[in-house]
Amino acid sequence: GRLQRRVRQCMRESRKMMPLLTEVISSDQFDVYMNDDVEHLVYKTLEDGSKQFTRAKLQHPDAAGVAMKRCAFGEGQERFAFQFFEVCNDGQTVVGPSLVAKEGRFLEDGMDKDGHNNWEARDKFAKRFCKVQKAARVAAQSFNKKLDDIFNLDPDTARVKFLDCSIYYLTHSQKGEFAVIVERKLEGSFQKWNNNNGWHRCRNETNSSNLNISTVTEEDDNIESGTENNPISLDSLFVTKEEVAQAFSHFSYIHSGKKMLICDLQGVYDRSKKTLTLTDPVIHYHDARKVKKHNRGVYGRTDMGQKGIQDFFKTHKCNCLCELVTKGFIEVS
């Protein structure tokens, strides 16, 4: 059987104890990294279409270092979350927005068998996270363009956005050098719209079963199927943000040529911008055209491959948006 993973020791604090605004950090609660002890990398798409991590300045022009709180305020399936700030050259005054630093929860993501810092493992973990979130960001941009092209879609329909993230390499006098994932802190009520094993927020619908993922079909008697002579009526088409989230996951599968499905959608709904701002997605990847059929885990431990894709469609019931955003793609068998 699979070995049980061990959660590494980490001090924790309640999210409720976090101050609403931090202007000056305390060295009693934060580790501070200045000048050469911090390096910032971003994951960029180059002119030729290739992607790579490149060195960049700190995010705020007045920043000379960063501060990371020792206690985690959040804990997910794979990661701990810590308060993180850029600071000016006095090492205390915060500049720029509130940020969040993320590290792996499990020993193998950052420690060797003797409990020492494992730079390679931390680096691999951080870079994989950024690649997953970048892929989700690109898919969300294409999804939003599809929404923009739908005639008479209600103007209040939510759009989908994933946070941009980058990597900070920090050098500690005792821990040595290590990598953390950093992104903006989400403000608002944190919610989850689906997960990586088939659950979603709308549970009152009949589940489909035995879906052949190589020939995904739309099965919903309530969806009108328009024709050239009798086009579908889209007057005042309204969909909820929950339906938008499920339609995005479905779209991601068709958009990728039926090779990957983006799920575990979680984050904050920004009512003023009508946007689902998401983080920490999961990608299930499976390429049925490759000889190696067991390509599970391409995007990390939460990537369940073909099983993860099947689990999503077993409980997914298409809403009216699914049909509209998945049209126009070349059918892949």
Protein backbone atom coordinates (compact mmCIF):
# COMPACT_ATOMS: atom_id res chain seq x y z
CA GLY A 1 0.00 0.00 0.00
CA ARG A 2 0.91 3.66 -0.18
CA LEU A 3 3.02 5.05 2.65
CA GLN A 4 1.23 7.51 4.87
CA ARG A 5 2.68 10.98 4.46
CA ARG A 6 3.79 12.80 7.56
CA VAL A 7 2.68 16.38 8.18
CA ARG A 8 5.62 18.53 9.19
CA GLN A 9 5.56 20.43 12.45
CA CYS A 10 4.32 23.98 12.11
CA MET A 11 3.10 26.61 14.55
CA ARG A 12 -0.44 27.76 13.78
CA GLU A 13 -2.61 30.75 14.61
CA SER A 14 -6.30 31.46 14.13
CA ARG A 15 -7.22 33.48 11.07
CA LYS A 16 -9.54 35.46 13.36
CA MET A 17 -6.49 36.74 15.28
CA MET A 18 -4.94 38.33 12.19
CA PRO A 19 -5.05 42.16 12.18
CA LEU A 20 -7.08 43.79 9.42
CA LEU A 21 -4.14 46.06 8.56
CA THR A 22 -0.43 45.60 9.15
CA GLU A 23 1.80 48.64 8.64
CA VAL A 24 4.83 47.63 10.71
CA ILE A 25 5.95 44.06 11.37
CA SER A 26 7.42 42.72 14.61
CA SER A 27 10.64 40.69 14.53
CA ASP A 28 9.20 38.69 17.44
CA GLN A 29 6.59 37.20 15.09
CA PHE A 30 8.21 37.46 11.66
CA ASP A 31 11.40 36.27 10.02
CA VAL A 32 12.86 39.12 7.96
CA TYR A 33 14.93 38.62 4.81
CA MET A 34 16.76 41.63 3.37
CA ASN A 35 18.67 42.42 0.19
CA ASP A 36 20.74 39.39 -0.93
CA ASP A 37 18.78 37.06 1.37
CA VAL A 38 15.73 37.27 -0.91
CA GLU A 39 15.36 36.54 -4.62
CA HIS A 40 12.16 36.84 -6.66
CA LEU A 41 11.27 34.64 -9.66
CA VAL A 42 8.25 34.88 -11.96
CA TYR A 43 6.94 32.30 -14.45
CA LYS A 44 6.74 34.02 -17.84
CA THR A 45 5.69 33.15 -21.36
CA LEU A 46 8.39 34.24 -23.79
CA GLU A 47 7.92 35.64 -27.30
CA ASP A 48 8.49 32.22 -28.87
CA GLY A 49 5.74 30.72 -26.73
CA SER A 50 8.05 28.88 -24.35
CA LYS A 51 7.73 29.33 -20.60
CA GLN A 52 10.44 29.75 -18.01
CA PHE A 53 11.18 31.15 -14.57
CA THR A 54 13.02 34.45 -14.73
CA ARG A 55 14.48 36.66 -12.03
CA ALA A 56 12.49 39.82 -11.25
CA LYS A 57 12.58 42.77 -8.89
CA LEU A 58 10.46 42.68 -5.76
CA GLN A 59 6.87 43.68 -6.45
CA HIS A 60 6.90 47.11 -4.81
CA PRO A 61 9.48 49.67 -6.02
CA ASP A 62 10.34 50.67 -2.44
CA ALA A 63 10.81 47.10 -1.20
CA ALA A 64 14.25 46.03 0.02
CA GLY A 65 13.24 42.78 1.69
CA VAL A 66 10.37 40.60 2.87
CA ALA A 67 8.87 39.39 6.14
CA MET A 68 7.24 35.99 6.67
CA LYS A 69 5.27 35.17 9.80
CA ARG A 70 6.40 32.09 11.70
CA CYS A 71 2.86 30.87 12.46
CA ALA A 72 0.61 29.58 9.66
CA PHE A 73 -2.89 31.06 9.54
CA GLY A 74 -4.26 28.57 7.02
CA GLU A 75 -3.89 24.91 6.16
CA GLY A 76 -5.12 23.21 3.00
CA GLN A 77 -4.89 19.71 1.65
CA GLU A 78 -1.30 20.21 0.47
CA ARG A 79 -0.07 23.55 1.81
CA PHE A 80 0.39 25.81 4.84
CA ALA A 81 -0.34 29.53 4.37
CA PHE A 82 1.57 32.32 6.12
CA GLN A 83 1.26 36.10 6.27
CA PHE A 84 3.89 37.65 4.01
CA PHE A 85 4.85 41.26 3.33
CA GLU A 86 7.42 43.20 1.39
CA VAL A 87 9.21 45.75 3.59
CA CYS A 88 11.33 48.85 2.95
CA ASN A 89 15.00 49.16 3.90
CA ASP A 90 14.31 49.58 7.64
CA GLY A 91 13.18 45.93 7.68
CA GLN A 92 9.92 46.79 9.45
CA THR A 93 7.70 49.12 7.42
CA VAL A 94 5.31 47.29 5.10
CA VAL A 95 5.10 48.41 1.48
CA GLY A 96 2.57 47.10 -0.99
CA PRO A 97 -0.44 44.81 -0.48
CA SER A 98 -0.86 41.97 1.99
CA LEU A 99 0.58 38.77 0.54
CA VAL A 100 0.39 35.08 1.38
CA ALA A 101 3.33 32.66 1.35
CA LYS A 102 2.65 28.94 0.90
CA GLU A 103 4.75 25.91 1.74
CA GLY A 104 4.11 22.18 1.52
CA ARG A 105 2.45 20.50 4.52
CA PHE A 106 4.36 17.26 4.23
CA LEU A 107 7.92 16.43 5.19
CA GLU A 108 8.83 15.11 1.74
CA ASP A 109 7.98 18.50 0.24
CA GLY A 110 10.78 20.25 2.10
CA MET A 111 12.78 17.96 4.36
CA ASP A 112 15.17 15.08 3.80
CA LYS A 113 14.95 11.83 5.76
CA ASP A 114 17.06 13.35 8.56
CA GLY A 115 14.75 16.35 8.94
CA HIS A 116 17.07 18.84 7.26
CA ASN A 117 16.06 21.42 4.67
CA ASN A 118 15.71 19.86 1.20
CA TRP A 119 16.20 22.73 -1.25
CA GLU A 120 15.46 20.63 -4.35
CA ALA A 121 12.15 19.33 -2.98
CA ARG A 122 10.96 22.81 -1.99
CA ASP A 123 12.00 24.23 -5.35
CA LYS A 124 10.17 21.49 -7.26
CA PHE A 125 7.03 21.91 -5.15
CA ALA A 126 6.93 25.70 -5.64
CA LYS A 127 7.58 25.59 -9.38
CA ARG A 128 4.92 22.93 -9.94
CA PHE A 129 2.36 25.07 -8.10
CA CYS A 130 3.14 28.09 -10.28
CA LYS A 131 2.86 26.02 -13.46
CA VAL A 132 -0.55 24.67 -12.43
CA GLN A 133 -1.86 28.13 -11.55
CA LYS A 134 -0.48 29.58 -14.79
CA ALA A 135 -2.25 26.90 -16.85
CA ALA A 136 -5.48 27.66 -14.98
CA ARG A 137 -5.07 31.41 -15.60
CA VAL A 138 -4.68 30.84 -19.34
CA ALA A 139 -7.76 28.59 -19.46
CA ALA A 140 -9.78 31.16 -17.48
CA GLN A 141 -8.87 33.90 -19.97
CA SER A 142 -10.13 31.75 -22.85
CA PHE A 143 -13.29 30.90 -20.90
CA ASN A 144 -14.02 34.58 -20.26
CA LYS A 145 -13.64 35.33 -23.97
CA LYS A 146 -16.24 32.64 -24.66
CA LEU A 147 -18.58 34.32 -22.19
CA ASP A 148 -18.02 37.68 -23.86
CA ASP A 149 -19.17 36.21 -27.18
CA ILE A 150 -22.49 34.87 -25.86
CA PHE A 151 -25.29 37.08 -27.13
CA ASN A 152 -27.52 38.52 -24.40
CA LEU A 153 -25.71 36.85 -21.54
CA ASP A 154 -26.75 38.63 -18.37
CA PRO A 155 -24.15 41.39 -17.77
CA ASP A 156 -23.84 40.39 -14.11
CA THR A 157 -22.59 36.90 -15.01
CA ALA A 158 -19.42 36.16 -13.06
CA ARG A 159 -16.06 35.85 -14.80
CA VAL A 160 -13.27 33.54 -13.63
CA LYS A 161 -9.79 34.63 -12.61
CA PHE A 162 -6.89 32.85 -10.93
CA LEU A 163 -4.38 34.71 -8.79
CA ASP A 164 -0.96 35.36 -10.23
CA CYS A 165 1.78 33.77 -8.15
CA SER A 166 5.56 33.83 -8.05
CA ILE A 167 8.43 32.29 -6.10
CA TYR A 168 10.58 33.92 -3.44
CA TYR A 169 13.87 32.26 -2.51
CA LEU A 170 14.76 33.07 1.09
CA THR A 171 18.06 32.49 2.88
CA HIS A 172 17.79 31.81 6.61
CA SER A 173 20.77 31.60 8.97
CA GLN A 174 19.58 28.23 10.31
CA LYS A 175 17.23 26.83 7.64
CA GLY A 176 19.46 27.67 4.70
CA GLU A 177 17.90 28.65 1.36
CA PHE A 178 14.32 27.62 0.60
CA ALA A 179 11.51 28.52 -1.80
CA VAL A 180 8.00 29.74 -0.97
CA ILE A 181 5.04 30.42 -3.27
CA VAL A 182 3.68 33.96 -2.92
CA GLU A 183 0.43 35.51 -4.11
CA ARG A 184 -1.88 38.32 -3.06
CA LYS A 185 -4.04 37.76 0.00
CA LEU A 186 -7.68 37.23 -0.93
CA GLU A 187 -10.08 39.52 0.92
CA GLY A 188 -13.63 38.35 1.58
CA SER A 189 -15.50 35.16 2.34
CA PHE A 190 -13.47 32.16 1.17
CA GLN A 191 -15.60 29.51 -0.55
CA LYS A 192 -15.19 26.25 -2.44
CA TRP A 193 -17.23 25.54 -5.57
CA ASN A 194 -15.99 22.02 -6.34
CA ASN A 195 -13.16 19.71 -5.28
CA ASN A 196 -10.87 17.16 -6.90
CA ASN A 197 -13.01 14.03 -6.42
CA GLY A 198 -16.39 14.97 -7.86
CA TRP A 199 -18.06 17.08 -5.15
CA HIS A 200 -19.64 20.38 -6.18
CA ARG A 201 -21.84 22.96 -4.50
CA CYS A 202 -25.03 22.06 -6.40
CA ARG A 203 -25.92 18.65 -5.01
CA ASN A 204 -29.64 18.55 -5.82
CA GLU A 205 -29.18 17.36 -9.39
CA THR A 206 -29.30 13.83 -10.72
CA ASN A 207 -25.83 12.39 -11.17
CA SER A 208 -24.75 10.93 -14.48
CA SER A 209 -22.82 7.69 -14.46
CA ASN A 210 -20.60 5.49 -16.61
CA LEU A 211 -19.48 8.44 -18.72
CA ASN A 212 -16.98 7.59 -21.44
CA ILE A 213 -14.56 10.51 -21.20
CA SER A 214 -13.33 10.03 -24.76
CA THR A 215 -16.81 10.96 -26.03
CA VAL A 216 -18.23 13.45 -23.54
CA THR A 217 -21.82 14.38 -24.39
CA GLU A 218 -24.28 16.91 -23.05
CA GLU A 219 -27.24 15.19 -21.40
CA ASP A 220 -29.78 17.62 -20.02
CA ASP A 221 -33.39 17.65 -21.18
CA ASN A 222 -33.71 21.26 -20.04
CA ILE A 223 -31.15 22.57 -22.54
CA GLU A 224 -32.49 23.85 -25.82
CA SER A 225 -30.59 22.61 -28.87
CA GLY A 226 -30.62 25.38 -31.44
CA THR A 227 -30.46 24.83 -35.21
CA GLU A 228 -29.64 27.10 -38.12
CA ASN A 229 -33.34 27.57 -38.93
CA ASN A 230 -34.45 27.67 -35.31
CA PRO A 231 -31.68 29.30 -33.26
CA ILE A 232 -31.64 29.03 -29.50
CA SER A 233 -33.20 32.00 -27.72
CA LEU A 234 -30.72 33.68 -25.41
CA ASP A 235 -32.84 36.55 -24.17
CA SER A 236 -31.79 37.43 -20.62
CA LEU A 237 -29.71 34.29 -20.15
CA PHE A 238 -28.93 34.15 -16.45
CA VAL A 239 -26.55 31.73 -14.72
CA THR A 240 -25.43 31.65 -11.12
CA LYS A 241 -21.80 31.87 -10.04
CA GLU A 242 -22.04 28.21 -9.00
CA GLU A 243 -23.06 27.29 -12.55
CA VAL A 244 -20.23 29.42 -13.94
CA ALA A 245 -17.73 27.47 -11.82
CA GLN A 246 -18.99 24.08 -13.01
CA ALA A 247 -19.10 25.26 -16.62
CA PHE A 248 -15.48 26.43 -16.34
CA SER A 249 -14.30 23.00 -15.16
CA HIS A 250 -16.19 21.38 -18.05
CA PHE A 251 -14.79 23.96 -20.48
CA SER A 252 -11.21 23.32 -19.32
CA TYR A 253 -11.51 19.68 -20.38
CA ILE A 254 -12.80 20.47 -23.88
CA HIS A 255 -10.45 23.46 -24.28
CA SER A 256 -7.41 21.25 -23.56
CA GLY A 257 -8.38 18.68 -26.19
CA LYS A 258 -9.76 16.37 -23.50
CA LYS A 259 -6.39 16.07 -21.78
CA MET A 260 -6.84 18.03 -18.55
CA LEU A 261 -9.63 19.14 -16.26
CA ILE A 262 -9.26 22.04 -13.82
CA CYS A 263 -11.18 21.67 -10.57
CA ASP A 264 -10.93 22.17 -6.81
CA LEU A 265 -12.18 25.68 -7.50
CA GLN A 266 -11.86 27.79 -4.37
CA GLY A 267 -11.50 31.45 -3.57
CA VAL A 268 -13.57 34.60 -3.17
CA TYR A 269 -16.42 36.07 -5.17
CA ASP A 270 -15.79 39.78 -5.72
CA ARG A 271 -19.28 41.22 -6.10
CA SER A 272 -18.07 44.65 -7.22
CA LYS A 273 -16.01 43.16 -10.08
CA LYS A 274 -18.39 40.22 -10.66
CA THR A 275 -15.41 37.88 -10.57
CA LEU A 276 -14.62 34.52 -9.03
CA THR A 277 -11.01 35.05 -7.92
CA LEU A 278 -9.56 31.59 -7.37
CA THR A 279 -6.40 29.95 -6.08
CA ASP A 280 -4.91 26.49 -5.46
CA PRO A 281 -6.58 24.67 -8.39
CA VAL A 282 -6.11 20.99 -9.16
CA ILE A 283 -5.44 19.71 -12.67
CA HIS A 284 -6.38 16.13 -13.56
CA TYR A 285 -4.35 15.13 -16.62
CA HIS A 286 -4.81 12.16 -18.91
CA ASP A 287 -3.80 11.86 -22.56
CA ALA A 288 -5.58 8.83 -23.99
CA ARG A 289 -3.53 9.11 -27.18
CA LYS A 290 -0.25 8.35 -25.44
CA VAL A 291 1.04 4.79 -25.17
CA LYS A 292 1.74 5.33 -21.47
CA LYS A 293 -1.82 5.28 -20.18
CA HIS A 294 -0.98 5.69 -16.50
CA ASN A 295 0.08 9.34 -16.74
CA ARG A 296 -1.43 10.17 -13.37
CA GLY A 297 0.41 12.69 -11.20
CA VAL A 298 1.77 14.88 -14.01
CA TYR A 299 0.54 17.95 -12.10
CA GLY A 300 1.38 16.69 -8.61
CA ARG A 301 -0.12 14.39 -6.02
CA THR A 302 -3.64 15.83 -6.33
CA ASP A 303 -3.65 15.01 -10.07
CA MET A 304 -5.74 11.82 -10.18
CA GLY A 305 -5.47 11.48 -13.95
CA GLN A 306 -8.25 9.64 -15.76
CA LYS A 307 -10.00 8.71 -12.50
CA GLY A 308 -10.19 12.36 -11.44
CA ILE A 309 -11.73 13.34 -14.78
CA GLN A 310 -14.24 10.50 -14.57
CA ASP A 311 -15.16 11.41 -10.98
CA PHE A 312 -15.96 14.96 -12.07
CA PHE A 313 -18.27 13.91 -14.89
CA LYS A 314 -20.01 11.27 -12.76
CA THR A 315 -21.54 14.06 -10.66
CA HIS A 316 -21.55 16.86 -13.22
CA LYS A 317 -24.87 17.79 -14.82
CA CYS A 318 -24.47 20.33 -17.58
CA ASN A 319 -26.14 23.70 -17.19
CA CYS A 320 -27.06 25.95 -20.11
CA LEU A 321 -23.63 27.58 -20.05
CA CYS A 322 -21.77 24.29 -20.60
CA GLU A 323 -23.18 23.82 -24.08
CA LEU A 324 -22.41 27.39 -25.09
CA VAL A 325 -18.79 27.56 -23.91
CA THR A 326 -17.80 24.15 -25.29
CA LYS A 327 -19.03 24.81 -28.83
CA GLY A 328 -16.61 25.44 -31.66
CA PHE A 329 -13.87 23.02 -30.64
CA ILE A 330 -12.63 20.24 -32.91
CA GLU A 331 -13.99 16.93 -31.61
CA VAL A 332 -11.28 14.71 -30.16
CA SER A 333 -12.00 10.99 -29.98
